N, C-alpha and C. Protein backbone atom coordinates (compact mmCIF):
# COMPACT_ATOMS: atom_id res chain seq x y z
N MET A 1 0.36 -62.21 87.99
CA MET A 1 1.00 -62.61 86.84
C MET A 1 0.08 -62.65 85.82
N TYR A 2 0.41 -61.70 84.66
CA TYR A 2 -0.47 -61.53 83.48
C TYR A 2 -0.99 -62.87 82.83
N ILE A 3 0.15 -63.83 82.64
CA ILE A 3 -0.35 -64.99 81.72
C ILE A 3 -1.38 -65.69 82.46
N ALA A 4 -1.20 -65.69 83.95
CA ALA A 4 -2.21 -66.40 84.67
C ALA A 4 -3.67 -65.92 84.68
N GLN A 5 -3.73 -64.77 84.22
CA GLN A 5 -5.16 -64.20 84.37
C GLN A 5 -5.67 -63.92 82.91
N GLU A 6 -5.03 -64.33 81.91
CA GLU A 6 -5.64 -63.93 80.65
C GLU A 6 -5.85 -65.40 79.99
N GLU A 7 -6.74 -65.45 78.90
CA GLU A 7 -7.56 -66.65 78.38
C GLU A 7 -6.49 -66.68 77.03
N SER A 8 -5.45 -67.59 77.47
CA SER A 8 -4.40 -67.84 76.21
C SER A 8 -4.97 -69.09 75.61
N PHE A 9 -4.94 -69.21 74.13
CA PHE A 9 -5.52 -70.19 73.46
C PHE A 9 -4.07 -70.69 72.73
N GLY A 10 -3.59 -71.85 73.21
CA GLY A 10 -2.48 -72.39 72.54
C GLY A 10 -1.74 -73.34 73.42
N PRO A 11 -0.52 -73.97 73.31
CA PRO A 11 0.09 -74.80 74.20
C PRO A 11 0.67 -74.01 75.37
N VAL A 12 -0.14 -73.52 76.40
CA VAL A 12 0.57 -72.84 77.56
C VAL A 12 -0.20 -73.38 78.70
N MET A 13 0.74 -73.51 79.56
CA MET A 13 0.48 -74.20 80.92
C MET A 13 1.35 -73.14 81.87
N VAL A 14 0.54 -72.75 83.10
CA VAL A 14 0.98 -71.83 84.07
C VAL A 14 1.34 -72.70 85.25
N ILE A 15 2.47 -72.76 85.64
CA ILE A 15 2.81 -73.83 86.79
C ILE A 15 3.44 -72.71 87.89
N SER A 16 2.59 -72.86 89.07
CA SER A 16 3.35 -71.56 89.94
C SER A 16 3.43 -72.43 91.34
N LYS A 17 4.29 -72.15 92.31
CA LYS A 17 4.63 -72.30 93.57
C LYS A 17 3.69 -72.11 94.38
N PHE A 18 3.50 -72.93 95.45
CA PHE A 18 2.61 -72.50 96.77
C PHE A 18 3.12 -73.07 97.79
N LYS A 19 2.68 -72.39 98.88
CA LYS A 19 3.22 -73.04 100.26
C LYS A 19 2.46 -74.36 100.46
N ASN A 20 3.40 -75.14 101.05
CA ASN A 20 2.71 -76.68 101.35
C ASN A 20 1.55 -76.46 102.48
N GLY A 21 0.35 -77.22 101.94
CA GLY A 21 -0.89 -77.03 102.35
C GLY A 21 -1.83 -75.88 102.04
N ASP A 22 -1.27 -74.70 101.51
CA ASP A 22 -2.13 -73.62 101.31
C ASP A 22 -3.01 -73.78 100.14
N VAL A 23 -4.02 -74.76 100.05
CA VAL A 23 -5.00 -75.01 98.98
C VAL A 23 -5.82 -73.83 98.71
N ASP A 24 -6.45 -73.38 99.85
CA ASP A 24 -7.13 -72.19 99.67
C ASP A 24 -6.52 -71.07 98.98
N GLY A 25 -5.34 -70.78 99.35
CA GLY A 25 -4.59 -69.90 98.62
C GLY A 25 -4.45 -69.95 97.12
N VAL A 26 -4.40 -71.29 96.79
CA VAL A 26 -4.13 -71.58 95.40
C VAL A 26 -5.30 -71.38 94.70
N LEU A 27 -6.37 -71.65 95.30
CA LEU A 27 -7.83 -71.56 94.85
C LEU A 27 -8.26 -70.11 94.61
N ARG A 28 -7.81 -69.24 95.55
CA ARG A 28 -7.99 -67.87 95.10
C ARG A 28 -7.28 -67.22 94.12
N ARG A 29 -6.07 -67.58 93.81
CA ARG A 29 -5.20 -67.30 92.80
C ARG A 29 -5.72 -67.86 91.60
N ALA A 30 -6.30 -69.05 91.50
CA ALA A 30 -6.84 -69.72 90.29
C ALA A 30 -7.91 -68.85 89.81
N ASN A 31 -8.98 -68.60 90.92
CA ASN A 31 -10.30 -67.84 90.53
C ASN A 31 -10.19 -66.59 90.52
N ALA A 32 -8.92 -65.95 90.50
CA ALA A 32 -8.76 -64.49 90.57
C ALA A 32 -8.58 -64.02 88.93
N THR A 33 -9.49 -64.36 88.31
CA THR A 33 -9.32 -64.11 86.73
C THR A 33 -10.77 -63.75 86.30
N GLU A 34 -10.82 -63.16 85.15
CA GLU A 34 -12.13 -63.04 84.56
C GLU A 34 -12.60 -63.97 83.69
N TYR A 35 -11.82 -65.18 83.52
CA TYR A 35 -12.10 -66.05 82.54
C TYR A 35 -12.28 -67.56 83.40
N GLY A 36 -13.00 -68.62 82.73
CA GLY A 36 -13.11 -69.81 83.41
C GLY A 36 -13.40 -70.96 82.51
N LEU A 37 -12.94 -71.05 81.51
CA LEU A 37 -12.82 -71.85 80.35
C LEU A 37 -12.53 -73.49 80.88
N ALA A 38 -11.40 -73.84 81.31
CA ALA A 38 -10.87 -74.97 81.76
C ALA A 38 -9.75 -74.70 82.76
N SER A 39 -9.67 -75.83 83.57
CA SER A 39 -8.62 -75.81 84.58
C SER A 39 -7.94 -77.40 84.76
N GLY A 40 -6.87 -77.23 85.28
CA GLY A 40 -6.19 -78.75 85.40
C GLY A 40 -5.53 -78.78 86.91
N VAL A 41 -5.81 -79.80 87.38
CA VAL A 41 -5.11 -80.32 88.66
C VAL A 41 -4.41 -81.62 88.65
N PHE A 42 -3.11 -81.53 89.06
CA PHE A 42 -2.14 -82.55 89.01
C PHE A 42 -1.68 -82.85 90.39
N THR A 43 -2.18 -84.03 90.76
CA THR A 43 -1.73 -84.48 92.33
C THR A 43 -1.99 -85.97 92.61
N LYS A 44 -1.33 -86.44 93.58
CA LYS A 44 -1.55 -87.94 93.82
C LYS A 44 -2.51 -88.05 94.72
N ASP A 45 -3.19 -86.96 95.40
CA ASP A 45 -4.21 -87.06 96.49
C ASP A 45 -5.48 -87.02 95.73
N ILE A 46 -6.25 -87.89 95.49
CA ILE A 46 -7.54 -87.85 94.61
C ILE A 46 -8.48 -86.90 95.58
N ASN A 47 -8.51 -87.06 96.80
CA ASN A 47 -9.46 -86.34 97.76
C ASN A 47 -9.16 -84.89 97.59
N LYS A 48 -7.84 -84.51 97.65
CA LYS A 48 -7.76 -83.06 97.31
C LYS A 48 -7.79 -82.57 96.00
N ALA A 49 -7.56 -83.41 95.07
CA ALA A 49 -8.10 -83.15 93.61
C ALA A 49 -9.46 -82.79 93.57
N LEU A 50 -10.47 -83.70 94.23
CA LEU A 50 -11.82 -83.29 94.02
C LEU A 50 -12.16 -82.17 94.75
N TYR A 51 -11.60 -81.89 95.87
CA TYR A 51 -12.01 -80.85 96.67
C TYR A 51 -11.70 -79.69 96.08
N ILE A 52 -10.61 -79.48 95.32
CA ILE A 52 -10.11 -78.41 94.30
C ILE A 52 -10.82 -78.21 93.29
N SER A 53 -11.21 -79.35 92.69
CA SER A 53 -12.18 -79.28 91.51
C SER A 53 -13.43 -78.74 91.60
N GLU A 54 -13.98 -79.03 92.81
CA GLU A 54 -15.22 -78.40 93.16
C GLU A 54 -15.28 -76.83 93.41
N LYS A 55 -14.24 -76.35 93.92
CA LYS A 55 -14.12 -74.87 94.17
C LYS A 55 -13.63 -74.07 93.05
N LEU A 56 -13.10 -74.70 92.11
CA LEU A 56 -12.64 -73.78 90.77
C LEU A 56 -13.67 -73.36 90.04
N GLU A 57 -13.63 -72.11 89.45
CA GLU A 57 -14.54 -71.62 88.75
C GLU A 57 -14.34 -71.93 87.48
N ALA A 58 -14.52 -72.97 86.77
CA ALA A 58 -14.11 -73.39 85.25
C ALA A 58 -15.14 -74.31 84.86
N GLY A 59 -15.43 -74.42 83.46
CA GLY A 59 -16.43 -75.19 82.97
C GLY A 59 -16.01 -76.57 82.89
N THR A 60 -14.60 -76.95 82.83
CA THR A 60 -14.18 -78.25 82.79
C THR A 60 -12.97 -78.18 83.70
N VAL A 61 -12.87 -79.32 84.48
CA VAL A 61 -11.68 -79.49 85.36
C VAL A 61 -10.97 -80.81 85.04
N PHE A 62 -9.78 -80.87 84.62
CA PHE A 62 -9.13 -82.17 84.24
C PHE A 62 -8.14 -82.34 85.41
N ILE A 63 -8.47 -83.68 85.80
CA ILE A 63 -7.57 -84.16 86.91
C ILE A 63 -6.45 -85.24 86.48
N ASN A 64 -5.11 -84.80 86.48
CA ASN A 64 -3.99 -85.56 86.31
C ASN A 64 -4.04 -85.93 84.78
N THR A 65 -4.51 -85.11 83.98
CA THR A 65 -4.38 -84.81 82.59
C THR A 65 -4.95 -83.69 82.08
N TYR A 66 -5.04 -83.43 80.92
CA TYR A 66 -5.26 -82.22 80.28
C TYR A 66 -5.87 -82.14 78.75
N ASN A 67 -6.73 -81.60 78.48
CA ASN A 67 -7.40 -81.45 77.24
C ASN A 67 -7.70 -82.94 76.26
N LYS A 68 -7.83 -83.92 77.28
CA LYS A 68 -8.22 -85.26 76.73
C LYS A 68 -9.72 -85.28 76.78
N THR A 69 -10.52 -85.03 75.79
CA THR A 69 -11.84 -85.17 75.95
C THR A 69 -12.68 -85.56 74.63
N ASP A 70 -13.73 -85.79 74.84
CA ASP A 70 -14.63 -86.18 73.68
C ASP A 70 -15.24 -84.87 73.09
N VAL A 71 -15.05 -84.67 71.67
CA VAL A 71 -15.68 -83.46 71.17
C VAL A 71 -17.20 -83.38 71.17
N ALA A 72 -17.73 -84.46 71.36
CA ALA A 72 -19.28 -84.84 71.33
C ALA A 72 -19.83 -84.27 72.51
N ALA A 73 -18.88 -84.24 73.69
CA ALA A 73 -19.54 -83.74 74.92
C ALA A 73 -19.68 -82.56 75.10
N PRO A 74 -20.80 -82.06 76.00
CA PRO A 74 -21.13 -80.79 76.16
C PRO A 74 -20.01 -80.09 76.70
N PHE A 75 -19.73 -78.76 76.50
CA PHE A 75 -18.88 -77.83 77.09
C PHE A 75 -19.26 -76.39 77.21
N GLY A 76 -18.25 -75.75 78.04
CA GLY A 76 -18.91 -74.22 78.08
C GLY A 76 -17.91 -73.62 79.40
N GLY A 77 -17.94 -72.42 79.28
CA GLY A 77 -16.91 -71.82 80.34
C GLY A 77 -17.98 -70.93 81.26
N PHE A 78 -17.09 -70.35 82.20
CA PHE A 78 -17.76 -69.44 83.18
C PHE A 78 -17.19 -68.08 83.07
N LYS A 79 -17.90 -66.99 83.69
CA LYS A 79 -17.12 -65.65 83.66
C LYS A 79 -17.34 -65.33 82.13
N LEU A 80 -16.21 -64.56 81.68
CA LEU A 80 -16.12 -64.08 80.35
C LEU A 80 -15.58 -65.32 79.23
N SER A 81 -15.66 -66.53 79.69
CA SER A 81 -15.33 -67.69 78.94
C SER A 81 -16.44 -68.34 78.10
N GLY A 82 -17.41 -67.83 78.10
CA GLY A 82 -18.60 -68.27 77.28
C GLY A 82 -19.85 -67.70 77.70
N PHE A 83 -20.82 -67.94 76.86
CA PHE A 83 -22.08 -67.50 76.97
C PHE A 83 -23.15 -68.71 77.17
N GLY A 84 -23.18 -68.95 78.60
CA GLY A 84 -24.11 -70.24 78.70
C GLY A 84 -23.31 -71.55 78.67
N LYS A 85 -23.84 -72.67 78.21
CA LYS A 85 -23.14 -73.80 78.07
C LYS A 85 -23.57 -74.36 76.51
N ASP A 86 -22.56 -74.79 75.71
CA ASP A 86 -23.05 -75.02 74.28
C ASP A 86 -23.67 -73.83 73.58
N LEU A 87 -23.27 -72.63 73.99
CA LEU A 87 -23.82 -71.27 73.39
C LEU A 87 -25.35 -71.30 73.53
N GLY A 88 -25.77 -72.00 74.63
CA GLY A 88 -27.19 -71.96 74.68
C GLY A 88 -27.43 -70.83 75.95
N LYS A 89 -28.70 -70.21 75.80
CA LYS A 89 -29.12 -69.29 76.71
C LYS A 89 -29.80 -69.85 77.81
N LEU A 90 -30.33 -70.99 77.61
CA LEU A 90 -31.08 -71.74 78.78
C LEU A 90 -30.39 -71.73 79.93
N LEU A 91 -29.12 -72.15 79.98
CA LEU A 91 -28.16 -72.34 81.36
C LEU A 91 -27.57 -71.04 81.72
N SER A 92 -27.70 -70.03 81.01
CA SER A 92 -26.91 -68.69 81.39
C SER A 92 -27.91 -67.67 82.01
N PRO A 93 -27.61 -67.04 83.31
CA PRO A 93 -26.69 -67.69 84.33
C PRO A 93 -27.19 -69.07 84.76
N SER A 94 -26.10 -69.67 85.27
CA SER A 94 -26.46 -71.07 85.53
C SER A 94 -25.89 -71.30 87.05
N PRO A 95 -26.45 -71.92 87.81
CA PRO A 95 -26.27 -72.53 89.09
C PRO A 95 -25.13 -73.54 89.29
N ILE A 96 -24.87 -74.16 87.93
CA ILE A 96 -24.21 -75.19 87.94
C ILE A 96 -22.65 -74.73 88.15
N SER A 97 -21.91 -75.42 88.82
CA SER A 97 -20.26 -74.85 89.06
C SER A 97 -19.52 -75.62 88.00
N HIS A 98 -19.82 -76.59 87.61
CA HIS A 98 -18.80 -77.14 86.49
C HIS A 98 -19.66 -77.96 85.46
N LEU A 99 -19.42 -78.09 84.39
CA LEU A 99 -19.92 -78.92 83.35
C LEU A 99 -19.52 -80.34 83.42
N ARG A 100 -18.12 -80.31 83.54
CA ARG A 100 -17.64 -81.76 83.63
C ARG A 100 -16.35 -81.87 84.40
N VAL A 101 -15.88 -83.02 85.16
CA VAL A 101 -14.63 -83.18 85.64
C VAL A 101 -14.32 -84.50 85.13
N LEU A 102 -13.10 -84.51 84.59
CA LEU A 102 -12.50 -85.56 84.04
C LEU A 102 -11.12 -86.03 84.69
N ILE A 103 -11.11 -87.27 85.12
CA ILE A 103 -10.11 -87.82 86.00
C ILE A 103 -9.34 -88.92 85.28
N ASN A 104 -7.98 -88.64 85.06
CA ASN A 104 -7.25 -89.89 84.54
C ASN A 104 -6.87 -90.71 85.81
N GLU A 105 -7.18 -91.91 85.64
CA GLU A 105 -7.07 -92.95 86.76
C GLU A 105 -5.60 -93.34 86.95
N LYS A 106 -4.90 -93.26 85.96
CA LYS A 106 -3.62 -93.69 86.04
C LYS A 106 -2.65 -92.61 86.59
N THR A 107 -1.98 -92.79 87.70
CA THR A 107 -0.93 -92.06 88.26
C THR A 107 0.14 -92.67 88.30
N THR A 108 1.38 -92.15 88.01
CA THR A 108 2.57 -92.75 88.14
C THR A 108 3.58 -91.94 88.74
């Protein structure tokens, strides 16, 4: 799906179906892109969310929220979504898998 593989800037969210329990298949699809700025995981199962956030190739992973962040916090993407972290050469290439994971504790 083209929209899921491009780095769109704007109010765009891709929601796709997956077979029940096929978390690794979802991860393969999510990581099958040249970009990795941010991603979001929505679930009631925090253990599943943490497992997925660890495997996603993205600079920021939001759990049960999206784009709620402090602009003063460090940021950066992976793959073609950024050159290092905070535009710095020091961390590029980086062994760090994520710069940050943000969790919304309120789930209704």
